[in-house]
Amino acid sequence: MKYNTTREKLLLPEYGRMVQQMVEKALTLESREQRQAYANQIINVMAGLNPQMRHIPNYKHKLWDHLAYMSDYKLDIDYPVTINRITREEKPERLAYPGGKMRHKHYGRLLENFFHDIETTEDKSQQDKMVSKAIARMKRNLADWKGDGYNNHTIENDIAEYTQGAVQPDLSQWENTQSAPSRTNTRNKTWHPLS
């Protein structure tokens, strides 16, 4: 059994392997009249596979361009239109992923960057507001990650670690930063008097 992954790559996948095989067969026909008639049939099949192209101006011209491209411009027929060569585009270079290792993946890189901002902020009231927001986000992330909640002592230690000891929060000061319950834990749960 042949799988598509082991076959030759399609030049225009939107038409499928059947059309590509029809084009390959057209290249093997000896008579120019046979090739011309077969090419017209291929164009009809291509138009039937993509009926939305009929709303595009000069869609037949585009179909003939595609047919010539799929034959690698080797199909010797009388084209009813002038063929515009399609250049094969090179694949773009892979994007580099951000480097560096995260200390705690469940907090994410944005929270790590936020702690850098907290560390460099000199205004104490502004720093307290930022720490309050960070604590709320950490509680939510831990609740989502672990599923059974969070530990204040863990959050205090993580903040001190991220800020190299510059910020030593006492979570008893931030009682108003109670996070909303985890969205993943409250879904599809019903209230029961014995729970």
Protein backbone atom coordinates (compact mmCIF):
# COMPACT_ATOMS: atom_id res chain seq x y z
CA MET A 1 0.00 0.00 0.00
CA LYS A 2 1.38 3.41 -0.98
CA TYR A 3 1.03 6.30 1.44
CA ASN A 4 1.03 9.94 0.36
CA THR A 5 3.96 10.61 2.68
CA THR A 6 6.16 8.28 0.61
CA ARG A 7 5.03 9.68 -2.74
CA GLU A 8 6.41 12.67 -4.59
CA LYS A 9 5.40 16.04 -3.14
CA LEU A 10 2.53 17.81 -4.90
CA LEU A 11 3.36 21.09 -6.60
CA LEU A 12 -0.12 22.50 -6.03
CA PRO A 13 -1.80 20.49 -3.25
CA GLU A 14 -5.13 22.32 -3.63
CA TYR A 15 -5.83 20.23 -6.75
CA GLY A 16 -4.88 16.91 -5.22
CA ARG A 17 -2.87 13.94 -6.41
CA MET A 18 -5.43 12.93 -9.04
CA VAL A 19 -4.90 16.11 -11.06
CA GLN A 20 -1.13 15.79 -10.70
CA GLN A 21 -1.35 12.24 -12.08
CA MET A 22 -3.52 13.48 -14.96
CA VAL A 23 -0.86 16.06 -15.82
CA GLU A 24 1.84 13.38 -15.71
CA LYS A 25 -0.26 11.22 -18.05
CA ALA A 26 -0.74 14.15 -20.43
CA LEU A 27 3.04 14.45 -20.69
CA THR A 28 3.26 10.83 -21.92
CA LEU A 29 0.69 11.21 -24.73
CA GLU A 30 2.34 11.17 -28.13
CA SER A 31 -0.14 13.05 -30.32
CA ARG A 32 -0.39 16.83 -29.88
CA GLU A 33 -4.16 16.66 -30.50
CA GLN A 34 -4.55 14.06 -27.74
CA ARG A 35 -2.50 16.20 -25.35
CA GLN A 36 -4.60 19.26 -26.23
CA ALA A 37 -7.90 17.44 -25.64
CA TYR A 38 -6.61 15.90 -22.42
CA ALA A 39 -5.35 19.30 -21.21
CA ASN A 40 -8.84 20.76 -21.78
CA GLN A 41 -10.31 17.92 -19.70
CA ILE A 42 -7.76 18.60 -16.94
CA ILE A 43 -8.76 22.28 -16.91
CA ASN A 44 -12.43 21.28 -16.55
CA VAL A 45 -11.56 19.02 -13.61
CA MET A 46 -9.49 21.77 -11.99
CA ALA A 47 -12.37 24.24 -12.38
CA GLY A 48 -14.75 21.71 -10.84
CA LEU A 49 -12.45 21.16 -7.86
CA ASN A 50 -12.26 24.90 -7.15
CA PRO A 51 -15.63 26.40 -8.06
CA GLN A 52 -14.88 29.48 -5.94
CA MET A 53 -12.27 30.50 -8.53
CA ARG A 54 -15.01 31.27 -11.04
CA HIS A 55 -15.61 34.56 -9.23
CA ILE A 56 -12.01 35.63 -9.83
CA PRO A 57 -11.46 37.65 -13.01
CA ASN A 58 -9.57 35.66 -15.66
CA TYR A 59 -9.81 32.47 -13.62
CA LYS A 60 -9.32 30.32 -16.75
CA HIS A 61 -6.01 32.07 -17.31
CA LYS A 62 -4.96 31.18 -13.77
CA LEU A 63 -5.97 27.52 -14.33
CA TRP A 64 -3.84 27.32 -17.49
CA ASP A 65 -0.93 28.86 -15.55
CA HIS A 66 -1.37 26.21 -12.87
CA LEU A 67 -1.52 23.42 -15.46
CA ALA A 68 1.73 24.62 -17.03
CA TYR A 69 3.34 24.89 -13.59
CA MET A 70 2.30 21.35 -12.61
CA SER A 71 3.83 20.03 -15.83
CA ASP A 72 7.02 21.96 -15.07
CA TYR A 73 6.32 23.87 -18.32
CA LYS A 74 7.04 20.72 -20.36
CA LEU A 75 3.51 20.13 -21.68
CA ASP A 76 3.68 20.82 -25.41
CA ILE A 77 0.21 22.08 -26.35
CA ASP A 78 -1.37 25.21 -27.83
CA TYR A 79 -2.25 27.24 -24.75
CA PRO A 80 -5.25 29.54 -25.32
CA VAL A 81 -3.60 32.20 -23.13
CA THR A 82 -0.07 33.45 -22.60
CA ILE A 83 1.48 31.53 -19.72
CA ASN A 84 2.92 33.46 -16.80
CA ARG A 85 5.73 31.56 -15.14
CA ILE A 86 5.28 30.93 -11.44
CA THR A 87 8.51 30.96 -9.48
CA ARG A 88 8.93 28.47 -6.69
CA GLU A 89 9.42 30.32 -3.45
CA GLU A 90 12.14 29.34 -1.06
CA LYS A 91 11.10 28.45 2.45
CA PRO A 92 11.75 31.23 4.94
CA GLU A 93 14.37 30.70 7.60
CA ARG A 94 13.23 29.23 10.88
CA LEU A 95 12.56 31.73 13.62
CA ALA A 96 14.83 31.50 16.60
CA TYR A 97 13.08 30.60 19.83
CA PRO A 98 13.79 32.77 22.85
CA GLY A 99 16.88 31.51 24.55
CA GLY A 100 17.46 31.02 28.22
CA LYS A 101 16.05 28.64 30.72
CA MET A 102 13.00 29.47 32.78
CA ARG A 103 13.24 28.90 36.49
CA HIS A 104 9.61 27.88 36.94
CA LYS A 105 7.74 27.02 33.75
CA HIS A 106 4.33 27.26 35.39
CA TYR A 107 4.82 31.02 35.89
CA GLY A 108 5.97 31.66 32.35
CA ARG A 109 8.45 34.04 30.77
CA LEU A 110 6.19 37.10 31.03
CA LEU A 111 6.09 36.82 34.81
CA GLU A 112 9.87 36.43 34.92
CA ASN A 113 10.24 39.63 32.90
CA PHE A 114 7.74 41.32 35.19
CA PHE A 115 9.89 40.44 38.19
CA HIS A 116 12.84 42.10 36.50
CA ASP A 117 10.71 45.25 36.19
CA ILE A 118 9.73 44.98 39.86
CA GLU A 119 13.37 44.66 40.83
CA THR A 120 14.37 47.79 38.92
CA THR A 121 11.43 49.95 40.10
CA GLU A 122 12.57 52.44 42.72
CA ASP A 123 9.17 53.86 43.76
CA LYS A 124 8.10 51.77 46.76
CA SER A 125 4.33 52.27 46.29
CA GLN A 126 4.61 51.37 42.62
CA GLN A 127 6.70 48.33 43.53
CA ASP A 128 4.08 47.22 46.08
CA LYS A 129 1.33 47.47 43.43
CA MET A 130 3.42 45.45 41.00
CA VAL A 131 4.18 42.80 43.64
CA SER A 132 0.47 42.61 44.45
CA LYS A 133 -0.33 41.95 40.78
CA ALA A 134 2.46 39.39 40.55
CA ILE A 135 1.19 37.55 43.63
CA ALA A 136 -2.33 37.38 42.19
CA ARG A 137 -0.98 36.00 38.90
CA MET A 138 1.24 33.49 40.71
CA LYS A 139 -1.70 32.23 42.76
CA ARG A 140 -3.77 31.77 39.61
CA ASN A 141 -0.94 30.04 37.79
CA LEU A 142 -0.25 27.69 40.69
CA ALA A 143 -3.96 26.90 41.09
CA ASP A 144 -4.22 26.11 37.38
CA TRP A 145 -0.96 24.18 37.31
CA LYS A 146 -1.31 22.10 40.43
CA GLY A 147 -5.07 21.86 40.58
CA ASP A 148 -5.19 21.72 44.37
CA GLY A 149 -4.28 25.32 45.15
CA TYR A 150 -1.12 27.05 46.27
CA ASN A 151 1.07 27.60 49.29
CA ASN A 152 1.82 31.18 50.47
CA HIS A 153 5.27 30.14 51.62
CA THR A 154 6.10 28.86 48.12
CA ILE A 155 5.02 32.14 46.54
CA GLU A 156 7.08 34.16 49.03
CA ASN A 157 10.18 32.05 48.31
CA ASP A 158 9.68 32.25 44.53
CA ILE A 159 9.37 36.05 44.61
CA ALA A 160 12.51 36.32 46.71
CA GLU A 161 14.29 34.00 44.26
CA TYR A 162 13.18 35.94 41.18
CA THR A 163 14.23 39.30 42.66
CA GLN A 164 17.51 37.98 44.15
CA GLY A 165 16.23 38.83 47.61
CA ALA A 166 15.44 42.48 46.78
CA VAL A 167 11.75 41.89 47.50
CA GLN A 168 10.77 39.84 50.57
CA PRO A 169 6.98 39.88 50.62
CA ASP A 170 4.85 38.87 53.57
CA LEU A 171 1.63 37.51 52.08
CA SER A 172 -0.33 38.42 55.20
CA GLN A 173 -0.08 42.04 53.95
CA TRP A 174 -1.67 41.14 50.63
CA GLU A 175 -4.93 39.56 51.71
CA ASN A 176 -6.76 41.48 48.99
CA THR A 177 -4.87 39.59 46.28
CA GLN A 178 -6.96 36.45 46.61
CA SER A 179 -7.23 35.11 43.13
CA ALA A 180 -10.32 33.86 41.48
CA PRO A 181 -10.78 30.11 41.63
CA SER A 182 -9.05 28.18 38.93
CA ARG A 183 -11.07 27.99 35.75
CA THR A 184 -9.95 24.44 35.11
CA ASN A 185 -11.07 23.26 38.54
CA THR A 186 -14.53 24.82 38.58
CA ARG A 187 -15.66 23.60 35.20
CA ASN A 188 -18.46 21.02 35.18
CA LYS A 189 -18.68 20.85 38.97
CA THR A 190 -22.00 21.00 40.71
CA TRP A 191 -22.61 22.00 44.30
CA HIS A 192 -23.33 19.18 46.70
CA PRO A 193 -24.32 19.74 50.35
CA LEU A 194 -21.96 17.02 51.63
CA SER A 195 -18.89 18.19 49.73
